[in-house]
PDB file of all heavy atoms in Angstrom:
ATOM      1  N   SER A   1      12.612  -7.610  18.603  1.00  0.00           N
ATOM      2  CA  SER A   1      13.102  -6.174  18.635  1.00  0.00           C
ATOM      3  C   SER A   1      12.031  -5.190  18.764  1.00  0.00           C
ATOM      4  O   SER A   1      12.131  -4.174  19.378  1.00  0.00           O
ATOM      5  CB  SER A   1      14.003  -5.919  17.466  1.00  0.00           C
ATOM      6  OG  SER A   1      15.062  -6.772  17.362  1.00  0.00           O
ATOM      7  N   TYR A   2      10.776  -5.509  18.162  1.00  0.00           N
ATOM      8  CA  TYR A   2       9.735  -4.535  17.988  1.00  0.00           C
ATOM      9  C   TYR A   2       8.454  -5.052  18.558  1.00  0.00           C
ATOM     10  O   TYR A   2       7.361  -4.615  18.134  1.00  0.00           O
ATOM     11  CB  TYR A   2       9.528  -4.135  16.511  1.00  0.00           C
ATOM     12  CG  TYR A   2      10.740  -3.472  16.045  1.00  0.00           C
ATOM     13  CD1 TYR A   2      11.689  -4.236  15.223  1.00  0.00           C
ATOM     14  CD2 TYR A   2      11.099  -2.054  16.195  1.00  0.00           C
ATOM     15  CE1 TYR A   2      12.822  -3.642  14.725  1.00  0.00           C
ATOM     16  CE2 TYR A   2      12.138  -1.487  15.631  1.00  0.00           C
ATOM     17  CZ  TYR A   2      13.014  -2.247  14.888  1.00  0.00           C
ATOM     18  OH  TYR A   2      14.269  -1.711  14.396  1.00  0.00           O
ATOM     19  N   GLY A   3       8.514  -5.963  19.480  1.00  0.00           N
ATOM     20  CA  GLY A   3       7.227  -6.647  20.056  1.00  0.00           C
ATOM     21  C   GLY A   3       6.142  -5.754  20.354  1.00  0.00           C
ATOM     22  O   GLY A   3       5.043  -5.774  19.893  1.00  0.00           O
ATOM     23  N   THR A   4       6.338  -4.769  21.363  1.00  0.00           N
ATOM     24  CA  THR A   4       5.388  -3.858  21.840  1.00  0.00           C
ATOM     25  C   THR A   4       4.975  -2.905  20.754  1.00  0.00           C
ATOM     26  O   THR A   4       3.700  -2.582  20.497  1.00  0.00           O
ATOM     27  CB  THR A   4       5.925  -3.149  23.006  1.00  0.00           C
ATOM     28  OG1 THR A   4       6.205  -3.972  24.066  1.00  0.00           O
ATOM     29  CG2 THR A   4       4.839  -2.123  23.557  1.00  0.00           C
ATOM     30  N   GLN A   5       5.945  -2.483  20.030  1.00  0.00           N
ATOM     31  CA  GLN A   5       5.685  -1.454  18.850  1.00  0.00           C
ATOM     32  C   GLN A   5       4.824  -2.233  17.736  1.00  0.00           C
ATOM     33  O   GLN A   5       3.894  -1.653  17.117  1.00  0.00           O
ATOM     34  CB  GLN A   5       6.864  -0.979  18.278  1.00  0.00           C
ATOM     35  CG  GLN A   5       7.673  -0.025  19.159  1.00  0.00           C
ATOM     36  CD  GLN A   5       9.023   0.399  18.561  1.00  0.00           C
ATOM     37  OE1 GLN A   5       8.978   1.010  17.571  1.00  0.00           O
ATOM     38  NE2 GLN A   5      10.090   0.173  19.386  1.00  0.00           N
ATOM     39  N   THR A   6       5.003  -3.452  17.503  1.00  0.00           N
ATOM     40  CA  THR A   6       4.340  -4.200  16.496  1.00  0.00           C
ATOM     41  C   THR A   6       2.882  -4.379  16.988  1.00  0.00           C
ATOM     42  O   THR A   6       2.006  -4.271  16.122  1.00  0.00           O
ATOM     43  CB  THR A   6       4.894  -5.606  16.289  1.00  0.00           C
ATOM     44  OG1 THR A   6       6.287  -5.432  15.846  1.00  0.00           O
ATOM     45  CG2 THR A   6       4.239  -6.457  15.118  1.00  0.00           C
ATOM     46  N   GLN A   7       2.597  -4.610  18.257  1.00  0.00           N
ATOM     47  CA  GLN A   7       1.218  -4.717  18.688  1.00  0.00           C
ATOM     48  C   GLN A   7       0.484  -3.462  18.680  1.00  0.00           C
ATOM     49  O   GLN A   7      -0.639  -3.410  18.322  1.00  0.00           O
ATOM     50  CB  GLN A   7       1.368  -5.279  20.227  1.00  0.00           C
ATOM     51  CG  GLN A   7       1.732  -6.711  20.372  1.00  0.00           C
ATOM     52  CD  GLN A   7       1.856  -7.000  21.832  1.00  0.00           C
ATOM     53  OE1 GLN A   7       2.045  -6.380  22.674  1.00  0.00           O
ATOM     54  NE2 GLN A   7       1.672  -8.439  22.021  1.00  0.00           N
ATOM     55  N   LYS A   8       1.280  -2.394  18.873  1.00  0.00           N
ATOM     56  CA  LYS A   8       0.642  -1.020  18.833  1.00  0.00           C
ATOM     57  C   LYS A   8       0.384  -0.742  17.461  1.00  0.00           C
ATOM     58  O   LYS A   8      -0.729  -0.199  17.153  1.00  0.00           O
ATOM     59  CB  LYS A   8       1.702   0.026  19.373  1.00  0.00           C
ATOM     60  CG  LYS A   8       1.069   1.342  19.368  1.00  0.00           C
ATOM     61  CD  LYS A   8       2.106   2.416  19.986  1.00  0.00           C
ATOM     62  CE  LYS A   8       1.454   3.821  19.826  1.00  0.00           C
ATOM     63  NZ  LYS A   8       2.384   4.829  20.141  1.00  0.00           N
ATOM     64  N   ALA A   9       1.229  -1.038  16.474  1.00  0.00           N
ATOM     65  CA  ALA A   9       1.027  -0.788  15.021  1.00  0.00           C
ATOM     66  C   ALA A   9      -0.207  -1.603  14.594  1.00  0.00           C
ATOM     67  O   ALA A   9      -0.992  -1.036  13.871  1.00  0.00           O
ATOM     68  CB  ALA A   9       2.250  -1.209  14.292  1.00  0.00           C
ATOM     69  N   GLN A  10      -0.328  -2.810  15.035  1.00  0.00           N
ATOM     70  CA  GLN A  10      -1.490  -3.674  14.639  1.00  0.00           C
ATOM     71  C   GLN A  10      -2.845  -3.052  15.182  1.00  0.00           C
ATOM     72  O   GLN A  10      -3.802  -2.956  14.442  1.00  0.00           O
ATOM     73  CB  GLN A  10      -1.383  -5.149  14.995  1.00  0.00           C
ATOM     74  CG  GLN A  10      -2.415  -5.938  14.456  1.00  0.00           C
ATOM     75  CD  GLN A  10      -2.255  -6.030  12.914  1.00  0.00           C
ATOM     76  OE1 GLN A  10      -1.251  -6.307  12.252  1.00  0.00           O
ATOM     77  NE2 GLN A  10      -3.341  -5.591  12.238  1.00  0.00           N
ATOM     78  N   THR A  11      -2.780  -2.529  16.378  1.00  0.00           N
ATOM     79  CA  THR A  11      -3.968  -1.707  16.943  1.00  0.00           C
ATOM     80  C   THR A  11      -4.309  -0.591  16.000  1.00  0.00           C
ATOM     81  O   THR A  11      -5.416  -0.279  15.741  1.00  0.00           O
ATOM     82  CB  THR A  11      -3.693  -1.361  18.369  1.00  0.00           C
ATOM     83  OG1 THR A  11      -3.354  -2.499  19.215  1.00  0.00           O
ATOM     84  CG2 THR A  11      -4.894  -0.613  18.944  1.00  0.00           C
ATOM     85  N   ILE A  12      -3.292   0.210  15.687  1.00  0.00           N
ATOM     86  CA  ILE A  12      -3.535   1.363  14.774  1.00  0.00           C
ATOM     87  C   ILE A  12      -3.997   0.952  13.445  1.00  0.00           C
ATOM     88  O   ILE A  12      -4.986   1.475  12.991  1.00  0.00           O
ATOM     89  CB  ILE A  12      -2.161   2.107  14.591  1.00  0.00           C
ATOM     90  CG1 ILE A  12      -1.665   2.731  15.931  1.00  0.00           C
ATOM     91  CG2 ILE A  12      -2.225   3.099  13.501  1.00  0.00           C
ATOM     92  CD1 ILE A  12      -0.304   3.364  15.887  1.00  0.00           C
ATOM     93  N   ILE A  13      -3.503  -0.108  12.836  1.00  0.00           N
ATOM     94  CA  ILE A  13      -4.027  -0.696  11.634  1.00  0.00           C
ATOM     95  C   ILE A  13      -5.574  -1.004  11.689  1.00  0.00           C
ATOM     96  O   ILE A  13      -6.369  -0.750  10.921  1.00  0.00           O
ATOM     97  CB  ILE A  13      -3.171  -1.805  11.048  1.00  0.00           C
ATOM     98  CG1 ILE A  13      -1.777  -1.246  10.615  1.00  0.00           C
ATOM     99  CG2 ILE A  13      -3.837  -2.581  10.011  1.00  0.00           C
ATOM    100  CD1 ILE A  13      -1.712  -0.491   9.402  1.00  0.00           C
ATOM    101  N   ASN A  14      -5.856  -1.724  12.804  1.00  0.00           N
ATOM    102  CA  ASN A  14      -7.162  -2.269  13.070  1.00  0.00           C
ATOM    103  C   ASN A  14      -8.120  -1.107  13.183  1.00  0.00           C
ATOM    104  O   ASN A  14      -9.303  -1.081  12.682  1.00  0.00           O
ATOM    105  CB  ASN A  14      -7.293  -3.088  14.304  1.00  0.00           C
ATOM    106  CG  ASN A  14      -6.541  -4.532  14.094  1.00  0.00           C
ATOM    107  OD1 ASN A  14      -6.199  -4.997  12.934  1.00  0.00           O
ATOM    108  ND2 ASN A  14      -6.132  -5.138  15.259  1.00  0.00           N
ATOM    109  N   LYS A  15      -7.770  -0.077  13.851  1.00  0.00           N
ATOM    110  CA  LYS A  15      -8.646   1.059  14.081  1.00  0.00           C
ATOM    111  C   LYS A  15      -8.870   1.745  12.620  1.00  0.00           C
ATOM    112  O   LYS A  15      -9.838   2.263  12.279  1.00  0.00           O
ATOM    113  CB  LYS A  15      -7.897   2.097  14.944  1.00  0.00           C
ATOM    114  CG  LYS A  15      -8.758   3.480  15.101  1.00  0.00           C
ATOM    115  CD  LYS A  15     -10.141   3.138  15.728  1.00  0.00           C
ATOM    116  CE  LYS A  15     -10.885   4.530  15.905  1.00  0.00           C
ATOM    117  NZ  LYS A  15     -12.232   4.306  16.294  1.00  0.00           N
ATOM    118  N   ALA A  16      -7.683   1.780  11.798  1.00  0.00           N
ATOM    119  CA  ALA A  16      -7.825   2.400  10.493  1.00  0.00           C
ATOM    120  C   ALA A  16      -8.798   1.507   9.581  1.00  0.00           C
ATOM    121  O   ALA A  16      -9.597   2.032   8.835  1.00  0.00           O
ATOM    122  CB  ALA A  16      -6.458   2.380   9.729  1.00  0.00           C
ATOM    123  N   LEU A  17      -8.755   0.213   9.751  1.00  0.00           N
ATOM    124  CA  LEU A  17      -9.660  -0.618   9.028  1.00  0.00           C
ATOM    125  C   LEU A  17     -11.062  -0.330   9.372  1.00  0.00           C
ATOM    126  O   LEU A  17     -11.996  -0.415   8.612  1.00  0.00           O
ATOM    127  CB  LEU A  17      -9.310  -2.068   9.236  1.00  0.00           C
ATOM    128  CG  LEU A  17      -8.192  -2.590   8.507  1.00  0.00           C
ATOM    129  CD1 LEU A  17      -7.716  -3.989   9.065  1.00  0.00           C
ATOM    130  CD2 LEU A  17      -8.438  -2.658   6.981  1.00  0.00           C
ATOM    131  N   GLU A  18     -11.281  -0.081  10.651  1.00  0.00           N
ATOM    132  CA  GLU A  18     -12.810   0.250  11.218  1.00  0.00           C
ATOM    133  C   GLU A  18     -13.287   1.548  10.559  1.00  0.00           C
ATOM    134  O   GLU A  18     -14.382   1.487  10.079  1.00  0.00           O
ATOM    135  CB  GLU A  18     -12.786   0.526  12.734  1.00  0.00           C
ATOM    136  CG  GLU A  18     -12.613  -0.852  13.438  1.00  0.00           C
ATOM    137  CD  GLU A  18     -12.397  -0.658  14.906  1.00  0.00           C
ATOM    138  OE1 GLU A  18     -12.853   0.556  15.443  1.00  0.00           O
ATOM    139  OE2 GLU A  18     -12.051  -1.458  15.724  1.00  0.00           O
ATOM    140  N   ILE A  19     -12.372   2.481  10.480  1.00  0.00           N
ATOM    141  CA  ILE A  19     -12.649   3.764   9.857  1.00  0.00           C
ATOM    142  C   ILE A  19     -13.021   3.604   8.303  1.00  0.00           C
ATOM    143  O   ILE A  19     -14.105   3.996   7.910  1.00  0.00           O
ATOM    144  CB  ILE A  19     -11.608   4.843   9.991  1.00  0.00           C
ATOM    145  CG1 ILE A  19     -11.455   5.140  11.527  1.00  0.00           C
ATOM    146  CG2 ILE A  19     -11.985   6.062   9.235  1.00  0.00           C
ATOM    147  CD1 ILE A  19     -10.263   6.038  11.854  1.00  0.00           C
ATOM    148  N   THR A  20     -12.191   2.864   7.719  1.00  0.00           N
ATOM    149  CA  THR A  20     -12.347   2.560   6.267  1.00  0.00           C
ATOM    150  C   THR A  20     -13.665   1.775   5.954  1.00  0.00           C
ATOM    151  O   THR A  20     -14.447   2.257   5.169  1.00  0.00           O
ATOM    152  CB  THR A  20     -11.238   1.664   5.759  1.00  0.00           C
ATOM    153  OG1 THR A  20     -10.003   2.419   6.009  1.00  0.00           O
ATOM    154  CG2 THR A  20     -11.259   1.474   4.197  1.00  0.00           C
ATOM    155  N   THR A  21     -13.937   0.912   6.775  1.00  0.00           N
ATOM    156  CA  THR A  21     -15.210   0.011   6.767  1.00  0.00           C
ATOM    157  C   THR A  21     -16.513   1.005   6.921  1.00  0.00           C
ATOM    158  O   THR A  21     -17.416   0.889   6.284  1.00  0.00           O
ATOM    159  CB  THR A  21     -15.285  -1.131   7.624  1.00  0.00           C
ATOM    160  OG1 THR A  21     -14.174  -1.964   7.398  1.00  0.00           O
ATOM    161  CG2 THR A  21     -16.462  -1.909   7.435  1.00  0.00           C
ATOM    162  N   GLN A  22     -16.341   1.822   7.821  1.00  0.00           N
ATOM    163  CA  GLN A  22     -17.391   2.803   8.121  1.00  0.00           C
ATOM    164  C   GLN A  22     -17.771   3.774   6.887  1.00  0.00           C
ATOM    165  O   GLN A  22     -18.988   3.981   6.604  1.00  0.00           O
ATOM    166  CB  GLN A  22     -17.053   3.626   9.304  1.00  0.00           C
ATOM    167  CG  GLN A  22     -18.144   4.647   9.767  1.00  0.00           C
ATOM    168  CD  GLN A  22     -17.724   5.585  10.970  1.00  0.00           C
ATOM    169  OE1 GLN A  22     -16.459   5.460  11.393  1.00  0.00           O
ATOM    170  NE2 GLN A  22     -18.541   6.369  11.375  1.00  0.00           N
ATOM    171  N   PHE A  23     -16.743   4.232   6.249  1.00  0.00           N
ATOM    172  CA  PHE A  23     -16.818   5.216   5.157  1.00  0.00           C
ATOM    173  C   PHE A  23     -16.870   4.601   3.818  1.00  0.00           C
ATOM    174  O   PHE A  23     -17.568   5.189   2.837  1.00  0.00           O
ATOM    175  CB  PHE A  23     -15.809   6.250   5.291  1.00  0.00           C
ATOM    176  CG  PHE A  23     -15.991   7.243   6.500  1.00  0.00           C
ATOM    177  CD1 PHE A  23     -15.348   6.951   7.544  1.00  0.00           C
ATOM    178  CD2 PHE A  23     -16.999   8.308   6.264  1.00  0.00           C
ATOM    179  CE1 PHE A  23     -15.580   7.892   8.688  1.00  0.00           C
ATOM    180  CE2 PHE A  23     -17.156   9.077   7.311  1.00  0.00           C
ATOM    181  CZ  PHE A  23     -16.560   8.869   8.524  1.00  0.00           C
ATOM    182  N   ALA A  24     -16.315   3.417   3.693  1.00  0.00           N
ATOM    183  CA  ALA A  24     -16.330   2.807   2.248  1.00  0.00           C
ATOM    184  C   ALA A  24     -16.200   1.313   2.351  1.00  0.00           C
ATOM    185  O   ALA A  24     -15.184   0.743   2.122  1.00  0.00           O
ATOM    186  CB  ALA A  24     -15.258   3.374   1.412  1.00  0.00           C
TER     187      ALA A  24
END
């Protein structure tokens, strides 16, 4: 039901992890 949205969500999460790793 949410295939494309789940992939997009995971991309958003991965970007957030990059930012987090950069600052802390």
